[in-house]
Amino acid sequence: MPQLSPLFWIFSFSMIILLLVSMIIFYYLFGFCLHKNNKGVIINMGWCW
C-alpha cells in the first residue's frame, strides 16, 4: 500500500467539512423542522426561526 501524502488527507478532510457545511446550509434554507407533540414527531417544511 503506497504512502499517502499529507496533502491528500488535508484535501479529504476539507471535502468532508465542506459537505457537512453544505448540508447544514441546505437544512436551514429548506427548514425541515422537527416538532414534537403528543402524537409524535411532525416534520414542518418551511422557514425555521
PDB file of N, CA and C in Angstrom:
ATOM      1  N   MET A   1       0.846  -1.193   0.000  1.00  0.00           N
ATOM      2  CA  MET A   1       0.000   0.000   0.000  1.00  0.00           C
ATOM      3  C   MET A   1       0.880   1.241   0.000  1.00  0.00           C
ATOM      4  N   PRO A   2       0.714   2.119  -0.972  1.00  0.00           N
ATOM      5  CA  PRO A   2       1.581   3.297  -1.061  1.00  0.00           C
ATOM      6  C   PRO A   2       1.299   4.306   0.047  1.00  0.00           C
ATOM      7  N   GLN A   3       2.307   5.061   0.394  1.00  0.00           N
ATOM      8  CA  GLN A   3       2.169   6.082   1.434  1.00  0.00           C
ATOM      9  C   GLN A   3       1.388   7.273   0.888  1.00  0.00           C
ATOM     10  N   LEU A   4       0.327   7.648   1.612  1.00  0.00           N
ATOM     11  CA  LEU A   4      -0.498   8.773   1.181  1.00  0.00           C
ATOM     12  C   LEU A   4       0.133  10.073   1.661  1.00  0.00           C
ATOM     13  N   SER A   5       0.101  11.054   0.799  1.00  0.00           N
ATOM     14  CA  SER A   5       0.698  12.347   1.147  1.00  0.00           C
ATOM     15  C   SER A   5      -0.211  13.119   2.110  1.00  0.00           C
ATOM     16  N   PRO A   6       0.363  13.998   2.925  1.00  0.00           N
ATOM     17  CA  PRO A   6      -0.452  14.817   3.843  1.00  0.00           C
ATOM     18  C   PRO A   6      -1.448  15.694   3.088  1.00  0.00           C
ATOM     19  N   LEU A   7      -1.084  16.088   1.867  1.00  0.00           N
ATOM     20  CA  LEU A   7      -1.977  16.923   1.070  1.00  0.00           C
ATOM     21  C   LEU A   7      -3.275  16.189   0.777  1.00  0.00           C
ATOM     22  N   PHE A   8      -3.194  14.884   0.566  1.00  0.00           N
ATOM     23  CA  PHE A   8      -4.383  14.071   0.328  1.00  0.00           C
ATOM     24  C   PHE A   8      -5.302  14.083   1.539  1.00  0.00           C
ATOM     25  N   TRP A   9      -4.713  13.969   2.738  1.00  0.00           N
ATOM     26  CA  TRP A   9      -5.525  13.973   3.955  1.00  0.00           C
ATOM     27  C   TRP A   9      -6.171  15.335   4.177  1.00  0.00           C
ATOM     28  N   ILE A  10      -5.427  16.411   3.922  1.00  0.00           N
ATOM     29  CA  ILE A  10      -5.968  17.770   4.057  1.00  0.00           C
ATOM     30  C   ILE A  10      -7.134  17.956   3.091  1.00  0.00           C
ATOM     31  N   PHE A  11      -6.949  17.487   1.858  1.00  0.00           N
ATOM     32  CA  PHE A  11      -7.999  17.611   0.845  1.00  0.00           C
ATOM     33  C   PHE A  11      -9.242  16.822   1.243  1.00  0.00           C
ATOM     34  N   SER A  12      -9.051  15.598   1.721  1.00  0.00           N
ATOM     35  CA  SER A  12     -10.195  14.759   2.081  1.00  0.00           C
ATOM     36  C   SER A  12     -10.950  15.321   3.288  1.00  0.00           C
ATOM     37  N   PHE A  13     -10.217  15.814   4.276  1.00  0.00           N
ATOM     38  CA  PHE A  13     -10.875  16.409   5.434  1.00  0.00           C
ATOM     39  C   PHE A  13     -11.626  17.679   5.060  1.00  0.00           C
ATOM     40  N   SER A  14     -11.036  18.487   4.165  1.00  0.00           N
ATOM     41  CA  SER A  14     -11.721  19.712   3.751  1.00  0.00           C
ATOM     42  C   SER A  14     -12.974  19.390   2.947  1.00  0.00           C
ATOM     43  N   MET A  15     -12.945  18.323   2.166  1.00  0.00           N
ATOM     44  CA  MET A  15     -14.137  17.909   1.423  1.00  0.00           C
ATOM     45  C   MET A  15     -15.244  17.456   2.373  1.00  0.00           C
ATOM     46  N   ILE A  16     -14.878  16.729   3.424  1.00  0.00           N
ATOM     47  CA  ILE A  16     -15.862  16.283   4.416  1.00  0.00           C
ATOM     48  C   ILE A  16     -16.472  17.478   5.142  1.00  0.00           C
ATOM     49  N   ILE A  17     -15.638  18.455   5.522  1.00  0.00           N
ATOM     50  CA  ILE A  17     -16.116  19.655   6.198  1.00  0.00           C
ATOM     51  C   ILE A  17     -17.035  20.460   5.277  1.00  0.00           C
ATOM     52  N   LEU A  18     -16.654  20.581   3.997  1.00  0.00           N
ATOM     53  CA  LEU A  18     -17.498  21.289   3.035  1.00  0.00           C
ATOM     54  C   LEU A  18     -18.851  20.600   2.877  1.00  0.00           C
ATOM     55  N   LEU A  19     -18.845  19.283   2.859  1.00  0.00           N
ATOM     56  CA  LEU A  19     -20.087  18.525   2.731  1.00  0.00           C
ATOM     57  C   LEU A  19     -20.989  18.767   3.939  1.00  0.00           C
ATOM     58  N   LEU A  20     -20.416  18.756   5.138  1.00  0.00           N
ATOM     59  CA  LEU A  20     -21.198  18.990   6.349  1.00  0.00           C
ATOM     60  C   LEU A  20     -21.778  20.397   6.375  1.00  0.00           C
ATOM     61  N   VAL A  21     -20.970  21.391   5.997  1.00  0.00           N
ATOM     62  CA  VAL A  21     -21.431  22.779   5.984  1.00  0.00           C
ATOM     63  C   VAL A  21     -22.559  22.973   4.972  1.00  0.00           C
ATOM     64  N   SER A  22     -22.408  22.358   3.789  1.00  0.00           N
ATOM     65  CA  SER A  22     -23.454  22.489   2.780  1.00  0.00           C
ATOM     66  C   SER A  22     -24.744  21.804   3.224  1.00  0.00           C
ATOM     67  N   MET A  23     -24.627  20.693   3.962  1.00  0.00           N
ATOM     68  CA  MET A  23     -25.818  20.030   4.490  1.00  0.00           C
ATOM     69  C   MET A  23     -26.524  20.896   5.526  1.00  0.00           C
ATOM     70  N   ILE A  24     -25.747  21.579   6.372  1.00  0.00           N
ATOM     71  CA  ILE A  24     -26.332  22.469   7.380  1.00  0.00           C
ATOM     72  C   ILE A  24     -27.013  23.657   6.711  1.00  0.00           C
ATOM     73  N   ILE A  25     -26.376  24.236   5.683  1.00  0.00           N
ATOM     74  CA  ILE A  25     -26.966  25.360   4.949  1.00  0.00           C
ATOM     75  C   ILE A  25     -28.264  24.913   4.258  1.00  0.00           C
ATOM     76  N   PHE A  26     -28.230  23.724   3.645  1.00  0.00           N
ATOM     77  CA  PHE A  26     -29.418  23.174   2.996  1.00  0.00           C
ATOM     78  C   PHE A  26     -30.543  22.985   4.011  1.00  0.00           C
ATOM     79  N   TYR A  27     -30.189  22.489   5.205  1.00  0.00           N
ATOM     80  CA  TYR A  27     -31.166  22.257   6.270  1.00  0.00           C
ATOM     81  C   TYR A  27     -31.833  23.561   6.690  1.00  0.00           C
ATOM     82  N   TYR A  28     -31.038  24.625   6.861  1.00  0.00           N
ATOM     83  CA  TYR A  28     -31.598  25.898   7.285  1.00  0.00           C
ATOM     84  C   TYR A  28     -32.365  26.591   6.173  1.00  0.00           C
ATOM     85  N   LEU A  29     -31.935  26.427   4.919  1.00  0.00           N
ATOM     86  CA  LEU A  29     -32.645  27.067   3.818  1.00  0.00           C
ATOM     87  C   LEU A  29     -34.023  26.449   3.615  1.00  0.00           C
ATOM     88  N   PHE A  30     -34.073  25.126   3.611  1.00  0.00           N
ATOM     89  CA  PHE A  30     -35.332  24.470   3.324  1.00  0.00           C
ATOM     90  C   PHE A  30     -36.152  24.188   4.575  1.00  0.00           C
ATOM     91  N   GLY A  31     -35.496  24.284   5.737  1.00  0.00           N
ATOM     92  CA  GLY A  31     -36.204  24.263   7.016  1.00  0.00           C
ATOM     93  C   GLY A  31     -37.009  23.008   7.280  1.00  0.00           C
ATOM     94  N   PHE A  32     -36.338  21.866   7.350  1.00  0.00           N
ATOM     95  CA  PHE A  32     -37.035  20.663   7.765  1.00  0.00           C
ATOM     96  C   PHE A  32     -37.027  20.644   9.294  1.00  0.00           C
ATOM     97  N   CYS A  33     -38.093  21.180   9.864  1.00  0.00           N
ATOM     98  CA  CYS A  33     -38.155  21.309  11.325  1.00  0.00           C
ATOM     99  C   CYS A  33     -38.829  20.110  11.923  1.00  0.00           C
ATOM    100  N   LEU A  34     -38.281  19.616  12.992  1.00  0.00           N
ATOM    101  CA  LEU A  34     -38.913  18.527  13.738  1.00  0.00           C
ATOM    102  C   LEU A  34     -39.598  19.112  14.967  1.00  0.00           C
ATOM    103  N   HIS A  35     -40.898  18.923  15.031  1.00  0.00           N
ATOM    104  CA  HIS A  35     -41.658  19.394  16.179  1.00  0.00           C
ATOM    105  C   HIS A  35     -42.234  18.190  16.903  1.00  0.00           C
ATOM    106  N   LYS A  36     -41.982  18.114  18.201  1.00  0.00           N
ATOM    107  CA  LYS A  36     -42.543  17.017  18.986  1.00  0.00           C
ATOM    108  C   LYS A  36     -43.865  17.458  19.601  1.00  0.00           C
ATOM    109  N   ASN A  37     -44.858  16.606  19.467  1.00  0.00           N
ATOM    110  CA  ASN A  37     -46.115  16.841  20.159  1.00  0.00           C
ATOM    111  C   ASN A  37     -46.582  15.533  20.789  1.00  0.00           C
ATOM    112  N   ASN A  38     -47.841  15.459  21.179  1.00  0.00           N
ATOM    113  CA  ASN A  38     -48.343  14.260  21.853  1.00  0.00           C
ATOM    114  C   ASN A  38     -48.387  13.052  20.929  1.00  0.00           C
ATOM    115  N   LYS A  39     -48.657  13.297  19.643  1.00  0.00           N
ATOM    116  CA  LYS A  39     -48.806  12.184  18.720  1.00  0.00           C
ATOM    117  C   LYS A  39     -47.464  11.674  18.203  1.00  0.00           C
ATOM    118  N   GLY A  40     -46.414  12.463  18.315  1.00  0.00           N
ATOM    119  CA  GLY A  40     -45.112  12.041  17.822  1.00  0.00           C
ATOM    120  C   GLY A  40     -44.348  13.222  17.258  1.00  0.00           C
ATOM    121  N   VAL A  41     -43.608  12.961  16.202  1.00  0.00           N
ATOM    122  CA  VAL A  41     -42.765  13.988  15.614  1.00  0.00           C
ATOM    123  C   VAL A  41     -43.361  14.400  14.270  1.00  0.00           C
ATOM    124  N   ILE A  42     -43.582  15.692  14.112  1.00  0.00           N
ATOM    125  CA  ILE A  42     -44.106  16.229  12.858  1.00  0.00           C
ATOM    126  C   ILE A  42     -42.976  16.968  12.155  1.00  0.00           C
ATOM    127  N   ILE A  43     -42.800  16.670  10.865  1.00  0.00           N
ATOM    128  CA  ILE A  43     -41.802  17.391  10.081  1.00  0.00           C
ATOM    129  C   ILE A  43     -42.490  18.591   9.447  1.00  0.00           C
ATOM    130  N   ASN A  44     -42.093  19.778   9.851  1.00  0.00           N
ATOM    131  CA  ASN A  44     -42.676  21.007   9.345  1.00  0.00           C
ATOM    132  C   ASN A  44     -41.774  21.566   8.257  1.00  0.00           C
ATOM    133  N   MET A  45     -42.281  21.626   7.026  1.00  0.00           N
ATOM    134  CA  MET A  45     -41.478  22.167   5.940  1.00  0.00           C
ATOM    135  C   MET A  45     -41.783  23.643   5.790  1.00  0.00           C
ATOM    136  N   GLY A  46     -40.759  24.448   5.909  1.00  0.00           N
ATOM    137  CA  GLY A  46     -40.923  25.894   5.843  1.00  0.00           C
ATOM    138  C   GLY A  46     -39.740  26.563   6.495  1.00  0.00           C
ATOM    139  N   TRP A  47     -39.881  27.835   6.755  1.00  0.00           N
ATOM    140  CA  TRP A  47     -38.787  28.559   7.393  1.00  0.00           C
ATOM    141  C   TRP A  47     -38.719  28.220   8.870  1.00  0.00           C
ATOM    142  N   CYS A  48     -37.526  27.988   9.355  1.00  0.00           N
ATOM    143  CA  CYS A  48     -37.327  27.689  10.780  1.00  0.00           C
ATOM    144  C   CYS A  48     -36.718  28.898  11.462  1.00  0.00           C
ATOM    145  N   TRP A  49     -37.469  29.517  12.289  1.00  0.00           N
ATOM    146  CA  TRP A  49     -36.910  30.634  13.042  1.00  0.00           C
ATOM    147  C   TRP A  49     -37.122  30.385  14.519  1.00  0.00           C
TER     148      TRP A  49
END
